[in-house]
Amino acid sequence: TSGEQKVHWVSWEKMCAPKREGGLGFRDLQAFNQALLAKQAWRILTSPSSLVARVLKARYFRDSSILTATCPSNASYTFRSILHGRD
């Protein structure tokens, strides 16, 4: 039993904490992904003349803005994802 190795479990929150706070600096991939999607929603809001903003507006929120757009049942995966980031 002198050759046994013990596993020391650490919580996911501790592993995702920045190194300067004693964590391992892992990224929470779900939170990171949602932040990137939120960035896309922000770009649509702040650059309404961009091609992607014009296409999505014409298709999904013709008479409103990305901030008040709802998700129709036939929405693309891309648009659903951007709304997830927005929320």
N, C-alpha and C. Protein backbone atom coordinates (compact mmCIF):
# COMPACT_ATOMS: atom_id res chain seq x y z
N THR A 1 0.80 -1.16 0.00
CA THR A 1 0.00 0.00 0.00
C THR A 1 0.87 1.26 0.00
N SER A 2 2.16 1.08 0.05
CA SER A 2 3.01 2.25 -0.08
C SER A 2 3.06 2.73 -1.53
N GLY A 3 2.66 1.85 -2.49
CA GLY A 3 2.67 2.22 -3.91
C GLY A 3 1.34 2.76 -4.39
N GLU A 4 0.35 2.89 -3.49
CA GLU A 4 -0.96 3.38 -3.90
C GLU A 4 -0.92 4.87 -4.14
N GLN A 5 -1.67 5.29 -5.16
CA GLN A 5 -1.79 6.71 -5.45
C GLN A 5 -3.19 7.16 -5.09
N LYS A 6 -3.31 8.31 -4.51
CA LYS A 6 -4.61 8.83 -4.14
C LYS A 6 -5.02 9.91 -5.13
N VAL A 7 -6.30 9.95 -5.42
CA VAL A 7 -6.85 10.97 -6.31
C VAL A 7 -7.45 12.06 -5.42
N HIS A 8 -7.07 13.28 -5.67
CA HIS A 8 -7.60 14.42 -4.94
C HIS A 8 -8.57 15.14 -5.85
N TRP A 9 -9.86 15.08 -5.53
CA TRP A 9 -10.89 15.68 -6.36
C TRP A 9 -10.97 17.17 -6.07
N VAL A 10 -11.18 17.93 -7.14
CA VAL A 10 -11.31 19.38 -7.05
C VAL A 10 -12.60 19.76 -7.77
N SER A 11 -13.34 20.72 -7.24
CA SER A 11 -14.60 21.13 -7.86
C SER A 11 -14.34 21.80 -9.21
N TRP A 12 -15.33 21.71 -10.08
CA TRP A 12 -15.23 22.34 -11.40
C TRP A 12 -15.05 23.85 -11.26
N GLU A 13 -15.74 24.46 -10.29
CA GLU A 13 -15.62 25.90 -10.08
C GLU A 13 -14.17 26.28 -9.74
N LYS A 14 -13.51 25.46 -8.93
CA LYS A 14 -12.11 25.72 -8.56
C LYS A 14 -11.21 25.55 -9.79
N MET A 15 -11.49 24.53 -10.62
CA MET A 15 -10.67 24.32 -11.82
C MET A 15 -10.84 25.47 -12.82
N CYS A 16 -12.03 26.07 -12.86
CA CYS A 16 -12.29 27.16 -13.81
C CYS A 16 -11.85 28.52 -13.26
N ALA A 17 -11.52 28.59 -12.00
CA ALA A 17 -11.07 29.85 -11.42
C ALA A 17 -9.72 30.24 -12.04
N PRO A 18 -9.47 31.54 -12.19
CA PRO A 18 -8.19 31.98 -12.72
C PRO A 18 -7.02 31.48 -11.87
N LYS A 19 -5.88 31.30 -12.48
CA LYS A 19 -4.70 30.81 -11.77
C LYS A 19 -4.32 31.75 -10.61
N ARG A 20 -4.48 33.04 -10.83
CA ARG A 20 -4.11 34.00 -9.79
C ARG A 20 -5.00 33.86 -8.55
N GLU A 21 -6.16 33.17 -8.71
CA GLU A 21 -7.05 32.93 -7.57
C GLU A 21 -6.93 31.50 -7.06
N GLY A 22 -5.91 30.77 -7.50
CA GLY A 22 -5.67 29.42 -7.02
C GLY A 22 -6.31 28.33 -7.84
N GLY A 23 -6.98 28.70 -8.94
CA GLY A 23 -7.60 27.71 -9.80
C GLY A 23 -6.63 27.20 -10.85
N LEU A 24 -7.14 26.40 -11.75
CA LEU A 24 -6.31 25.86 -12.83
C LEU A 24 -6.44 26.65 -14.13
N GLY A 25 -7.36 27.62 -14.16
CA GLY A 25 -7.49 28.47 -15.33
C GLY A 25 -8.25 27.85 -16.49
N PHE A 26 -8.96 26.73 -16.26
CA PHE A 26 -9.77 26.14 -17.33
C PHE A 26 -10.90 27.08 -17.67
N ARG A 27 -11.31 27.07 -18.92
CA ARG A 27 -12.46 27.88 -19.32
C ARG A 27 -13.73 27.06 -19.16
N ASP A 28 -14.77 27.72 -18.72
CA ASP A 28 -16.09 27.11 -18.72
C ASP A 28 -16.59 27.24 -20.16
N LEU A 29 -16.53 26.16 -20.92
CA LEU A 29 -16.80 26.22 -22.35
C LEU A 29 -18.23 26.65 -22.66
N GLN A 30 -19.18 26.29 -21.85
CA GLN A 30 -20.55 26.73 -22.10
C GLN A 30 -20.68 28.24 -21.95
N ALA A 31 -20.09 28.78 -20.90
CA ALA A 31 -20.14 30.22 -20.68
C ALA A 31 -19.35 30.96 -21.77
N PHE A 32 -18.21 30.40 -22.17
CA PHE A 32 -17.39 31.01 -23.22
C PHE A 32 -18.14 31.03 -24.54
N ASN A 33 -18.81 29.92 -24.88
CA ASN A 33 -19.58 29.85 -26.11
C ASN A 33 -20.73 30.86 -26.09
N GLN A 34 -21.43 30.96 -24.97
CA GLN A 34 -22.53 31.91 -24.89
C GLN A 34 -22.02 33.34 -25.01
N ALA A 35 -20.86 33.62 -24.47
CA ALA A 35 -20.28 34.96 -24.59
C ALA A 35 -19.96 35.28 -26.04
N LEU A 36 -19.44 34.32 -26.78
CA LEU A 36 -19.15 34.55 -28.21
C LEU A 36 -20.43 34.78 -29.00
N LEU A 37 -21.49 34.06 -28.65
CA LEU A 37 -22.77 34.26 -29.33
C LEU A 37 -23.36 35.63 -28.98
N ALA A 38 -23.18 36.06 -27.74
CA ALA A 38 -23.63 37.39 -27.34
C ALA A 38 -22.89 38.46 -28.12
N LYS A 39 -21.63 38.21 -28.39
CA LYS A 39 -20.83 39.16 -29.18
C LYS A 39 -21.40 39.29 -30.60
N GLN A 40 -21.88 38.18 -31.16
CA GLN A 40 -22.50 38.23 -32.48
C GLN A 40 -23.79 39.04 -32.44
N ALA A 41 -24.59 38.86 -31.39
CA ALA A 41 -25.82 39.65 -31.25
C ALA A 41 -25.48 41.13 -31.13
N TRP A 42 -24.42 41.45 -30.40
CA TRP A 42 -23.99 42.84 -30.26
C TRP A 42 -23.56 43.42 -31.61
N ARG A 43 -22.86 42.62 -32.41
CA ARG A 43 -22.44 43.09 -33.73
C ARG A 43 -23.63 43.36 -34.63
N ILE A 44 -24.65 42.52 -34.54
CA ILE A 44 -25.87 42.73 -35.34
C ILE A 44 -26.53 44.04 -34.90
N LEU A 45 -26.55 44.29 -33.60
CA LEU A 45 -27.16 45.50 -33.07
C LEU A 45 -26.38 46.76 -33.46
N THR A 46 -25.06 46.69 -33.39
CA THR A 46 -24.24 47.88 -33.62
C THR A 46 -23.80 48.08 -35.06
N SER A 47 -23.95 47.05 -35.90
CA SER A 47 -23.59 47.16 -37.33
C SER A 47 -24.76 46.69 -38.18
N PRO A 48 -25.86 47.43 -38.15
CA PRO A 48 -27.06 46.98 -38.86
C PRO A 48 -26.91 46.93 -40.38
N SER A 49 -25.88 47.55 -40.92
CA SER A 49 -25.70 47.51 -42.38
C SER A 49 -24.83 46.34 -42.83
N SER A 50 -24.33 45.55 -41.89
CA SER A 50 -23.52 44.39 -42.27
C SER A 50 -24.42 43.37 -42.98
N LEU A 51 -23.82 42.55 -43.80
CA LEU A 51 -24.59 41.56 -44.56
C LEU A 51 -25.36 40.62 -43.64
N VAL A 52 -24.69 40.10 -42.61
CA VAL A 52 -25.37 39.16 -41.72
C VAL A 52 -26.54 39.82 -41.00
N ALA A 53 -26.37 41.06 -40.56
CA ALA A 53 -27.45 41.77 -39.87
C ALA A 53 -28.63 42.00 -40.82
N ARG A 54 -28.34 42.39 -42.04
CA ARG A 54 -29.43 42.64 -43.01
C ARG A 54 -30.18 41.36 -43.35
N VAL A 55 -29.44 40.27 -43.53
CA VAL A 55 -30.09 38.99 -43.87
C VAL A 55 -30.95 38.49 -42.72
N LEU A 56 -30.40 38.49 -41.50
CA LEU A 56 -31.16 38.01 -40.35
C LEU A 56 -32.36 38.91 -40.05
N LYS A 57 -32.19 40.21 -40.19
CA LYS A 57 -33.31 41.13 -39.96
C LYS A 57 -34.42 40.87 -40.96
N ALA A 58 -34.08 40.73 -42.23
CA ALA A 58 -35.10 40.47 -43.26
C ALA A 58 -35.84 39.16 -43.00
N ARG A 59 -35.15 38.20 -42.46
CA ARG A 59 -35.74 36.87 -42.27
C ARG A 59 -36.48 36.74 -40.93
N TYR A 60 -35.94 37.32 -39.84
CA TYR A 60 -36.46 37.00 -38.52
C TYR A 60 -37.02 38.17 -37.70
N PHE A 61 -36.58 39.38 -37.94
CA PHE A 61 -37.09 40.48 -37.10
C PHE A 61 -37.24 41.75 -37.92
N ARG A 62 -38.02 41.62 -38.99
CA ARG A 62 -38.23 42.70 -39.96
C ARG A 62 -38.68 44.01 -39.31
N ASP A 63 -39.63 43.94 -38.38
CA ASP A 63 -40.22 45.15 -37.80
C ASP A 63 -39.78 45.42 -36.36
N SER A 64 -38.67 44.83 -35.94
CA SER A 64 -38.19 45.05 -34.57
C SER A 64 -36.67 45.04 -34.57
N SER A 65 -36.08 44.81 -33.42
CA SER A 65 -34.61 44.75 -33.34
C SER A 65 -34.21 43.38 -32.80
N ILE A 66 -32.93 43.12 -32.84
CA ILE A 66 -32.41 41.84 -32.32
C ILE A 66 -32.72 41.71 -30.84
N LEU A 67 -32.87 42.83 -30.13
CA LEU A 67 -33.14 42.80 -28.70
C LEU A 67 -34.54 42.28 -28.37
N THR A 68 -35.49 42.48 -29.29
CA THR A 68 -36.87 42.06 -29.03
C THR A 68 -37.30 40.92 -29.94
N ALA A 69 -36.40 40.43 -30.76
CA ALA A 69 -36.74 39.35 -31.69
C ALA A 69 -37.12 38.09 -30.93
N THR A 70 -38.09 37.38 -31.48
CA THR A 70 -38.48 36.09 -30.91
C THR A 70 -37.99 34.99 -31.84
N CYS A 71 -38.01 33.79 -31.36
CA CYS A 71 -37.48 32.66 -32.12
C CYS A 71 -38.64 31.86 -32.72
N PRO A 72 -38.85 31.97 -34.03
CA PRO A 72 -39.90 31.17 -34.65
C PRO A 72 -39.52 29.69 -34.68
N SER A 73 -40.50 28.85 -34.83
CA SER A 73 -40.23 27.40 -34.80
C SER A 73 -39.34 26.95 -35.97
N ASN A 74 -39.34 27.71 -37.05
CA ASN A 74 -38.54 27.33 -38.21
C ASN A 74 -37.21 28.09 -38.29
N ALA A 75 -36.77 28.68 -37.18
CA ALA A 75 -35.53 29.46 -37.17
C ALA A 75 -34.32 28.55 -37.40
N SER A 76 -33.31 29.12 -38.04
CA SER A 76 -32.08 28.37 -38.28
C SER A 76 -31.32 28.16 -36.97
N TYR A 77 -30.43 27.18 -37.00
CA TYR A 77 -29.60 26.90 -35.83
C TYR A 77 -28.76 28.13 -35.48
N THR A 78 -28.28 28.82 -36.50
CA THR A 78 -27.48 30.03 -36.29
C THR A 78 -28.27 31.09 -35.54
N PHE A 79 -29.49 31.36 -36.01
CA PHE A 79 -30.29 32.40 -35.37
C PHE A 79 -30.69 31.99 -33.95
N ARG A 80 -31.06 30.72 -33.76
CA ARG A 80 -31.39 30.24 -32.42
C ARG A 80 -30.20 30.43 -31.48
N SER A 81 -29.01 30.14 -31.99
CA SER A 81 -27.80 30.26 -31.17
C SER A 81 -27.52 31.70 -30.81
N ILE A 82 -27.68 32.61 -31.76
CA ILE A 82 -27.45 34.03 -31.48
C ILE A 82 -28.45 34.54 -30.44
N LEU A 83 -29.70 34.09 -30.53
CA LEU A 83 -30.68 34.49 -29.51
C LEU A 83 -30.32 33.93 -28.15
N HIS A 84 -29.76 32.73 -28.11
CA HIS A 84 -29.29 32.16 -26.85
C HIS A 84 -28.19 33.04 -26.24
N GLY A 85 -27.27 33.51 -27.09
CA GLY A 85 -26.22 34.41 -26.61
C GLY A 85 -26.79 35.74 -26.15
N ARG A 86 -27.75 36.26 -26.89
CA ARG A 86 -28.38 37.53 -26.52
C ARG A 86 -29.03 37.42 -25.15
N ASP A 87 -29.70 36.31 -24.91
CA ASP A 87 -30.41 36.15 -23.63
C ASP A 87 -29.46 35.96 -22.47
